[in-house]
Amino acid sequence: GKVAVITVAGGQGSRLGFDAPKGM
């Protein structure tokens, strides 16, 4: 249990033509 994960998910999917957070 010594490891954690950080996912940086602040971006929108607008460059992909996707109107939602990129993670979706």
mmCIF file of all heavy atoms, coordinates in Angstrom:
data_MODEL
# 
_entry.id   MODEL 
# 
loop_
_atom_site.group_PDB 
_atom_site.id 
_atom_site.type_symbol 
_atom_site.label_atom_id 
_atom_site.label_alt_id 
_atom_site.label_comp_id 
_atom_site.label_asym_id 
_atom_site.label_entity_id 
_atom_site.label_seq_id 
_atom_site.pdbx_PDB_ins_code 
_atom_site.Cartn_x 
_atom_site.Cartn_y 
_atom_site.Cartn_z 
_atom_site.occupancy 
_atom_site.B_iso_or_equiv 
_atom_site.pdbx_formal_charge 
_atom_site.auth_seq_id 
_atom_site.auth_comp_id 
_atom_site.auth_asym_id 
_atom_site.auth_atom_id 
_atom_site.pdbx_PDB_model_num 
ATOM 1   N N   . GLY A 1 1  ? 0.804   -1.224 0.000   1.00 0.00 ? 1  GLY A N   1 
ATOM 2   C CA  . GLY A 1 1  ? 0.000   0.000  0.000   1.00 0.00 ? 1  GLY A CA  1 
ATOM 3   C C   . GLY A 1 1  ? 0.831   1.266  0.000   1.00 0.00 ? 1  GLY A C   1 
ATOM 4   O O   . GLY A 1 1  ? 0.384   2.305  0.491   1.00 0.00 ? 1  GLY A O   1 
ATOM 5   N N   . LYS A 1 2  ? 2.031   1.210  -0.582  1.00 0.00 ? 2  LYS A N   1 
ATOM 6   C CA  . LYS A 1 2  ? 2.945   2.345  -0.571  1.00 0.00 ? 2  LYS A CA  1 
ATOM 7   C C   . LYS A 1 2  ? 2.835   3.227  -1.807  1.00 0.00 ? 2  LYS A C   1 
ATOM 8   O O   . LYS A 1 2  ? 3.601   4.178  -1.957  1.00 0.00 ? 2  LYS A O   1 
ATOM 9   C CB  . LYS A 1 2  ? 4.394   1.841  -0.454  1.00 0.00 ? 2  LYS A CB  1 
ATOM 10  C CG  . LYS A 1 2  ? 4.687   1.006  0.783   1.00 0.00 ? 2  LYS A CG  1 
ATOM 11  C CD  . LYS A 1 2  ? 4.540   1.813  2.058   1.00 0.00 ? 2  LYS A CD  1 
ATOM 12  C CE  . LYS A 1 2  ? 4.944   1.003  3.285   1.00 0.00 ? 2  LYS A CE  1 
ATOM 13  N NZ  . LYS A 1 2  ? 4.738   1.776  4.537   1.00 0.00 ? 2  LYS A NZ  1 
ATOM 14  N N   . VAL A 1 3  ? 1.900   2.898  -2.716  1.00 0.00 ? 3  VAL A N   1 
ATOM 15  C CA  . VAL A 1 3  ? 1.829   3.593  -4.004  1.00 0.00 ? 3  VAL A CA  1 
ATOM 16  C C   . VAL A 1 3  ? 0.437   4.189  -4.209  1.00 0.00 ? 3  VAL A C   1 
ATOM 17  O O   . VAL A 1 3  ? -0.579  3.548  -3.926  1.00 0.00 ? 3  VAL A O   1 
ATOM 18  C CB  . VAL A 1 3  ? 2.144   2.618  -5.168  1.00 0.00 ? 3  VAL A CB  1 
ATOM 19  C CG1 . VAL A 1 3  ? 2.061   3.345  -6.517  1.00 0.00 ? 3  VAL A CG1 1 
ATOM 20  C CG2 . VAL A 1 3  ? 3.521   1.986  -4.983  1.00 0.00 ? 3  VAL A CG2 1 
ATOM 21  N N   . ALA A 1 4  ? 0.403   5.420  -4.702  1.00 0.00 ? 4  ALA A N   1 
ATOM 22  C CA  . ALA A 1 4  ? -0.839  6.060  -5.129  1.00 0.00 ? 4  ALA A CA  1 
ATOM 23  C C   . ALA A 1 4  ? -0.702  6.468  -6.595  1.00 0.00 ? 4  ALA A C   1 
ATOM 24  O O   . ALA A 1 4  ? 0.402   6.482  -7.149  1.00 0.00 ? 4  ALA A O   1 
ATOM 25  C CB  . ALA A 1 4  ? -1.137  7.288  -4.269  1.00 0.00 ? 4  ALA A CB  1 
ATOM 26  N N   . VAL A 1 5  ? -1.836  6.797  -7.215  1.00 0.00 ? 5  VAL A N   1 
ATOM 27  C CA  . VAL A 1 5  ? -1.869  7.227  -8.614  1.00 0.00 ? 5  VAL A CA  1 
ATOM 28  C C   . VAL A 1 5  ? -2.438  8.634  -8.695  1.00 0.00 ? 5  VAL A C   1 
ATOM 29  O O   . VAL A 1 5  ? -3.420  8.952  -8.017  1.00 0.00 ? 5  VAL A O   1 
ATOM 30  C CB  . VAL A 1 5  ? -2.747  6.296  -9.469  1.00 0.00 ? 5  VAL A CB  1 
ATOM 31  C CG1 . VAL A 1 5  ? -2.882  6.831  -10.892 1.00 0.00 ? 5  VAL A CG1 1 
ATOM 32  C CG2 . VAL A 1 5  ? -2.189  4.895  -9.494  1.00 0.00 ? 5  VAL A CG2 1 
ATOM 33  N N   . ILE A 1 6  ? -1.811  9.469  -9.525  1.00 0.00 ? 6  ILE A N   1 
ATOM 34  C CA  . ILE A 1 6  ? -2.392  10.761 -9.873  1.00 0.00 ? 6  ILE A CA  1 
ATOM 35  C C   . ILE A 1 6  ? -2.660  10.774 -11.371 1.00 0.00 ? 6  ILE A C   1 
ATOM 36  O O   . ILE A 1 6  ? -1.767  10.523 -12.182 1.00 0.00 ? 6  ILE A O   1 
ATOM 37  C CB  . ILE A 1 6  ? -1.462  11.933 -9.506  1.00 0.00 ? 6  ILE A CB  1 
ATOM 38  C CG1 . ILE A 1 6  ? -1.434  12.144 -7.990  1.00 0.00 ? 6  ILE A CG1 1 
ATOM 39  C CG2 . ILE A 1 6  ? -1.918  13.218 -10.207 1.00 0.00 ? 6  ILE A CG2 1 
ATOM 40  C CD1 . ILE A 1 6  ? -0.509  13.251 -7.543  1.00 0.00 ? 6  ILE A CD1 1 
ATOM 41  N N   . THR A 1 7  ? -3.915  11.053 -11.728 1.00 0.00 ? 7  THR A N   1 
ATOM 42  C CA  . THR A 1 7  ? -4.305  11.240 -13.123 1.00 0.00 ? 7  THR A CA  1 
ATOM 43  C C   . THR A 1 7  ? -4.623  12.709 -13.332 1.00 0.00 ? 7  THR A C   1 
ATOM 44  O O   . THR A 1 7  ? -5.497  13.262 -12.649 1.00 0.00 ? 7  THR A O   1 
ATOM 45  C CB  . THR A 1 7  ? -5.542  10.386 -13.470 1.00 0.00 ? 7  THR A CB  1 
ATOM 46  O OG1 . THR A 1 7  ? -5.256  9.011  -13.242 1.00 0.00 ? 7  THR A OG1 1 
ATOM 47  C CG2 . THR A 1 7  ? -5.946  10.592 -14.927 1.00 0.00 ? 7  THR A CG2 1 
ATOM 48  N N   . VAL A 1 8  ? -3.917  13.342 -14.253 1.00 0.00 ? 8  VAL A N   1 
ATOM 49  C CA  . VAL A 1 8  ? -4.143  14.754 -14.551 1.00 0.00 ? 8  VAL A CA  1 
ATOM 50  C C   . VAL A 1 8  ? -5.231  14.835 -15.612 1.00 0.00 ? 8  VAL A C   1 
ATOM 51  O O   . VAL A 1 8  ? -5.031  14.423 -16.756 1.00 0.00 ? 8  VAL A O   1 
ATOM 52  C CB  . VAL A 1 8  ? -2.853  15.433 -15.041 1.00 0.00 ? 8  VAL A CB  1 
ATOM 53  C CG1 . VAL A 1 8  ? -3.112  16.884 -15.420 1.00 0.00 ? 8  VAL A CG1 1 
ATOM 54  C CG2 . VAL A 1 8  ? -1.787  15.360 -13.946 1.00 0.00 ? 8  VAL A CG2 1 
ATOM 55  N N   . ALA A 1 9  ? -6.403  15.342 -15.231 1.00 0.00 ? 9  ALA A N   1 
ATOM 56  C CA  . ALA A 1 9  ? -7.589  15.261 -16.087 1.00 0.00 ? 9  ALA A CA  1 
ATOM 57  C C   . ALA A 1 9  ? -8.314  16.598 -16.161 1.00 0.00 ? 9  ALA A C   1 
ATOM 58  O O   . ALA A 1 9  ? -9.541  16.662 -16.052 1.00 0.00 ? 9  ALA A O   1 
ATOM 59  C CB  . ALA A 1 9  ? -8.531  14.171 -15.569 1.00 0.00 ? 9  ALA A CB  1 
ATOM 60  N N   . GLY A 1 10 ? -7.552  17.659 -16.360 1.00 0.00 ? 10 GLY A N   1 
ATOM 61  C CA  . GLY A 1 10 ? -8.164  18.984 -16.407 1.00 0.00 ? 10 GLY A CA  1 
ATOM 62  C C   . GLY A 1 10 ? -8.609  19.421 -17.778 1.00 0.00 ? 10 GLY A C   1 
ATOM 63  O O   . GLY A 1 10 ? -9.263  20.458 -17.921 1.00 0.00 ? 10 GLY A O   1 
ATOM 64  N N   . GLY A 1 11 ? -8.272  18.619 -18.818 1.00 0.00 ? 11 GLY A N   1 
ATOM 65  C CA  . GLY A 1 11 ? -8.526  19.062 -20.179 1.00 0.00 ? 11 GLY A CA  1 
ATOM 66  C C   . GLY A 1 11 ? -9.876  18.628 -20.726 1.00 0.00 ? 11 GLY A C   1 
ATOM 67  O O   . GLY A 1 11 ? -10.387 17.558 -20.397 1.00 0.00 ? 11 GLY A O   1 
ATOM 68  N N   . GLN A 1 12 ? -10.436 19.467 -21.588 1.00 0.00 ? 12 GLN A N   1 
ATOM 69  C CA  . GLN A 1 12 ? -11.647 19.136 -22.315 1.00 0.00 ? 12 GLN A CA  1 
ATOM 70  C C   . GLN A 1 12 ? -11.277 18.399 -23.601 1.00 0.00 ? 12 GLN A C   1 
ATOM 71  O O   . GLN A 1 12 ? -10.141 18.455 -24.064 1.00 0.00 ? 12 GLN A O   1 
ATOM 72  C CB  . GLN A 1 12 ? -12.421 20.408 -22.679 1.00 0.00 ? 12 GLN A CB  1 
ATOM 73  C CG  . GLN A 1 12 ? -12.958 21.171 -21.469 1.00 0.00 ? 12 GLN A CG  1 
ATOM 74  C CD  . GLN A 1 12 ? -14.288 20.604 -20.980 1.00 0.00 ? 12 GLN A CD  1 
ATOM 75  O OE1 . GLN A 1 12 ? -14.520 19.398 -21.009 1.00 0.00 ? 12 GLN A OE1 1 
ATOM 76  N NE2 . GLN A 1 12 ? -15.166 21.489 -20.525 1.00 0.00 ? 12 GLN A NE2 1 
ATOM 77  N N   . GLY A 1 13 ? -12.252 17.732 -24.212 1.00 0.00 ? 13 GLY A N   1 
ATOM 78  C CA  . GLY A 1 13 ? -12.007 17.014 -25.460 1.00 0.00 ? 13 GLY A CA  1 
ATOM 79  C C   . GLY A 1 13 ? -12.294 17.848 -26.689 1.00 0.00 ? 13 GLY A C   1 
ATOM 80  O O   . GLY A 1 13 ? -12.557 17.293 -27.768 1.00 0.00 ? 13 GLY A O   1 
ATOM 81  N N   . SER A 1 14 ? -12.246 19.171 -26.562 1.00 0.00 ? 14 SER A N   1 
ATOM 82  C CA  . SER A 1 14 ? -12.656 20.051 -27.656 1.00 0.00 ? 14 SER A CA  1 
ATOM 83  C C   . SER A 1 14 ? -11.818 19.854 -28.910 1.00 0.00 ? 14 SER A C   1 
ATOM 84  O O   . SER A 1 14 ? -12.338 19.926 -30.029 1.00 0.00 ? 14 SER A O   1 
ATOM 85  C CB  . SER A 1 14 ? -12.609 21.515 -27.204 1.00 0.00 ? 14 SER A CB  1 
ATOM 86  O OG  . SER A 1 14 ? -11.355 21.820 -26.616 1.00 0.00 ? 14 SER A OG  1 
ATOM 87  N N   . ARG A 1 15 ? -10.520 19.576 -28.766 1.00 0.00 ? 15 ARG A N   1 
ATOM 88  C CA  . ARG A 1 15 ? -9.677  19.362 -29.954 1.00 0.00 ? 15 ARG A CA  1 
ATOM 89  C C   . ARG A 1 15 ? -10.059 18.083 -30.686 1.00 0.00 ? 15 ARG A C   1 
ATOM 90  O O   . ARG A 1 15 ? -9.707  17.896 -31.848 1.00 0.00 ? 15 ARG A O   1 
ATOM 91  C CB  . ARG A 1 15 ? -8.199  19.300 -29.553 1.00 0.00 ? 15 ARG A CB  1 
ATOM 92  C CG  . ARG A 1 15 ? -7.614  20.649 -29.207 1.00 0.00 ? 15 ARG A CG  1 
ATOM 93  C CD  . ARG A 1 15 ? -6.188  20.544 -28.737 1.00 0.00 ? 15 ARG A CD  1 
ATOM 94  N NE  . ARG A 1 15 ? -5.294  20.005 -29.756 1.00 0.00 ? 15 ARG A NE  1 
ATOM 95  C CZ  . ARG A 1 15 ? -4.003  19.761 -29.555 1.00 0.00 ? 15 ARG A CZ  1 
ATOM 96  N NH1 . ARG A 1 15 ? -3.477  19.990 -28.359 1.00 0.00 ? 15 ARG A NH1 1 
ATOM 97  N NH2 . ARG A 1 15 ? -3.250  19.286 -30.528 1.00 0.00 ? 15 ARG A NH2 1 
ATOM 98  N N   . LEU A 1 16 ? -10.795 17.209 -30.007 1.00 0.00 ? 16 LEU A N   1 
ATOM 99  C CA  . LEU A 1 16 ? -11.244 15.961 -30.617 1.00 0.00 ? 16 LEU A CA  1 
ATOM 100 C C   . LEU A 1 16 ? -12.678 16.076 -31.127 1.00 0.00 ? 16 LEU A C   1 
ATOM 101 O O   . LEU A 1 16 ? -13.256 15.082 -31.590 1.00 0.00 ? 16 LEU A O   1 
ATOM 102 C CB  . LEU A 1 16 ? -11.162 14.825 -29.587 1.00 0.00 ? 16 LEU A CB  1 
ATOM 103 C CG  . LEU A 1 16 ? -9.818  14.646 -28.875 1.00 0.00 ? 16 LEU A CG  1 
ATOM 104 C CD1 . LEU A 1 16 ? -9.929  13.553 -27.820 1.00 0.00 ? 16 LEU A CD1 1 
ATOM 105 C CD2 . LEU A 1 16 ? -8.715  14.329 -29.867 1.00 0.00 ? 16 LEU A CD2 1 
ATOM 106 N N   . GLY A 1 17 ? -13.249 17.280 -31.025 1.00 0.00 ? 17 GLY A N   1 
ATOM 107 C CA  . GLY A 1 17 ? -14.646 17.449 -31.388 1.00 0.00 ? 17 GLY A CA  1 
ATOM 108 C C   . GLY A 1 17 ? -15.582 16.817 -30.375 1.00 0.00 ? 17 GLY A C   1 
ATOM 109 O O   . GLY A 1 17 ? -16.706 16.421 -30.702 1.00 0.00 ? 17 GLY A O   1 
ATOM 110 N N   . PHE A 1 18 ? -15.138 16.756 -29.113 1.00 0.00 ? 18 PHE A N   1 
ATOM 111 C CA  . PHE A 1 18 ? -15.854 16.056 -28.046 1.00 0.00 ? 18 PHE A CA  1 
ATOM 112 C C   . PHE A 1 18 ? -16.165 17.050 -26.943 1.00 0.00 ? 18 PHE A C   1 
ATOM 113 O O   . PHE A 1 18 ? -15.265 17.599 -26.307 1.00 0.00 ? 18 PHE A O   1 
ATOM 114 C CB  . PHE A 1 18 ? -14.980 14.910 -27.530 1.00 0.00 ? 18 PHE A CB  1 
ATOM 115 C CG  . PHE A 1 18 ? -15.600 14.060 -26.465 1.00 0.00 ? 18 PHE A CG  1 
ATOM 116 C CD1 . PHE A 1 18 ? -16.680 13.240 -26.738 1.00 0.00 ? 18 PHE A CD1 1 
ATOM 117 C CD2 . PHE A 1 18 ? -15.076 14.042 -25.176 1.00 0.00 ? 18 PHE A CD2 1 
ATOM 118 C CE1 . PHE A 1 18 ? -17.248 12.441 -25.753 1.00 0.00 ? 18 PHE A CE1 1 
ATOM 119 C CE2 . PHE A 1 18 ? -15.618 13.244 -24.189 1.00 0.00 ? 18 PHE A CE2 1 
ATOM 120 C CZ  . PHE A 1 18 ? -16.707 12.445 -24.485 1.00 0.00 ? 18 PHE A CZ  1 
ATOM 121 N N   . ASP A 1 19 ? -17.434 17.297 -26.703 1.00 0.00 ? 19 ASP A N   1 
ATOM 122 C CA  . ASP A 1 19 ? -17.847 18.349 -25.783 1.00 0.00 ? 19 ASP A CA  1 
ATOM 123 C C   . ASP A 1 19 ? -18.029 17.812 -24.370 1.00 0.00 ? 19 ASP A C   1 
ATOM 124 O O   . ASP A 1 19 ? -19.134 17.787 -23.815 1.00 0.00 ? 19 ASP A O   1 
ATOM 125 C CB  . ASP A 1 19 ? -19.160 18.970 -26.273 1.00 0.00 ? 19 ASP A CB  1 
ATOM 126 C CG  . ASP A 1 19 ? -19.555 20.201 -25.458 1.00 0.00 ? 19 ASP A CG  1 
ATOM 127 O OD1 . ASP A 1 19 ? -18.655 20.817 -24.850 1.00 0.00 ? 19 ASP A OD1 1 
ATOM 128 O OD2 . ASP A 1 19 ? -20.750 20.543 -25.441 1.00 0.00 ? 19 ASP A OD2 1 
ATOM 129 N N   . ALA A 1 20 ? -16.918 17.364 -23.783 1.00 0.00 ? 20 ALA A N   1 
ATOM 130 C CA  . ALA A 1 20 ? -16.928 16.825 -22.414 1.00 0.00 ? 20 ALA A CA  1 
ATOM 131 C C   . ALA A 1 20 ? -15.481 16.675 -21.970 1.00 0.00 ? 20 ALA A C   1 
ATOM 132 O O   . ALA A 1 20 ? -14.555 16.817 -22.784 1.00 0.00 ? 20 ALA A O   1 
ATOM 133 C CB  . ALA A 1 20 ? -17.655 15.478 -22.374 1.00 0.00 ? 20 ALA A CB  1 
ATOM 134 N N   . PRO A 1 21 ? -15.252 16.393 -20.686 1.00 0.00 ? 21 PRO A N   1 
ATOM 135 C CA  . PRO A 1 21 ? -13.876 16.128 -20.250 1.00 0.00 ? 21 PRO A CA  1 
ATOM 136 C C   . PRO A 1 21 ? -13.239 15.011 -21.076 1.00 0.00 ? 21 PRO A C   1 
ATOM 137 O O   . PRO A 1 21 ? -13.893 14.017 -21.416 1.00 0.00 ? 21 PRO A O   1 
ATOM 138 C CB  . PRO A 1 21 ? -14.053 15.716 -18.792 1.00 0.00 ? 21 PRO A CB  1 
ATOM 139 C CG  . PRO A 1 21 ? -15.285 16.427 -18.351 1.00 0.00 ? 21 PRO A CG  1 
ATOM 140 C CD  . PRO A 1 21 ? -16.196 16.399 -19.548 1.00 0.00 ? 21 PRO A CD  1 
ATOM 141 N N   . LYS A 1 22 ? -11.964 15.169 -21.374 1.00 0.00 ? 22 LYS A N   1 
ATOM 142 C CA  . LYS A 1 22 ? -11.292 14.204 -22.249 1.00 0.00 ? 22 LYS A CA  1 
ATOM 143 C C   . LYS A 1 22 ? -11.307 12.792 -21.667 1.00 0.00 ? 22 LYS A C   1 
ATOM 144 O O   . LYS A 1 22 ? -11.364 11.799 -22.401 1.00 0.00 ? 22 LYS A O   1 
ATOM 145 C CB  . LYS A 1 22 ? -9.844  14.642 -22.520 1.00 0.00 ? 22 LYS A CB  1 
ATOM 146 C CG  . LYS A 1 22 ? -9.150  13.780 -23.551 1.00 0.00 ? 22 LYS A CG  1 
ATOM 147 C CD  . LYS A 1 22 ? -7.710  14.202 -23.796 1.00 0.00 ? 22 LYS A CD  1 
ATOM 148 C CE  . LYS A 1 22 ? -7.620  15.447 -24.631 1.00 0.00 ? 22 LYS A CE  1 
ATOM 149 N NZ  . LYS A 1 22 ? -6.221  15.733 -25.029 1.00 0.00 ? 22 LYS A NZ  1 
ATOM 150 N N   . GLY A 1 23 ? -11.272 12.663 -20.356 1.00 0.00 ? 23 GLY A N   1 
ATOM 151 C CA  . GLY A 1 23 ? -11.277 11.340 -19.734 1.00 0.00 ? 23 GLY A CA  1 
ATOM 152 C C   . GLY A 1 23 ? -12.535 10.541 -20.039 1.00 0.00 ? 23 GLY A C   1 
ATOM 153 O O   . GLY A 1 23 ? -12.554 9.316  -19.885 1.00 0.00 ? 23 GLY A O   1 
ATOM 154 N N   . MET A 1 24 ? -13.600 11.207 -20.483 1.00 0.00 ? 24 MET A N   1 
ATOM 155 C CA  . MET A 1 24 ? -14.852 10.538 -20.821 1.00 0.00 ? 24 MET A CA  1 
ATOM 156 C C   . MET A 1 24 ? -14.893 10.114 -22.286 1.00 0.00 ? 24 MET A C   1 
ATOM 157 O O   . MET A 1 24 ? -15.895 9.560  -22.748 1.00 0.00 ? 24 MET A O   1 
ATOM 158 C CB  . MET A 1 24 ? -16.034 11.455 -20.492 1.00 0.00 ? 24 MET A CB  1 
ATOM 159 C CG  . MET A 1 24 ? -16.179 11.729 -19.006 1.00 0.00 ? 24 MET A CG  1 
ATOM 160 S SD  . MET A 1 24 ? -17.217 13.170 -18.597 1.00 0.00 ? 24 MET A SD  1 
ATOM 161 C CE  . MET A 1 24 ? -18.761 12.730 -19.368 1.00 0.00 ? 24 MET A CE  1 
# 
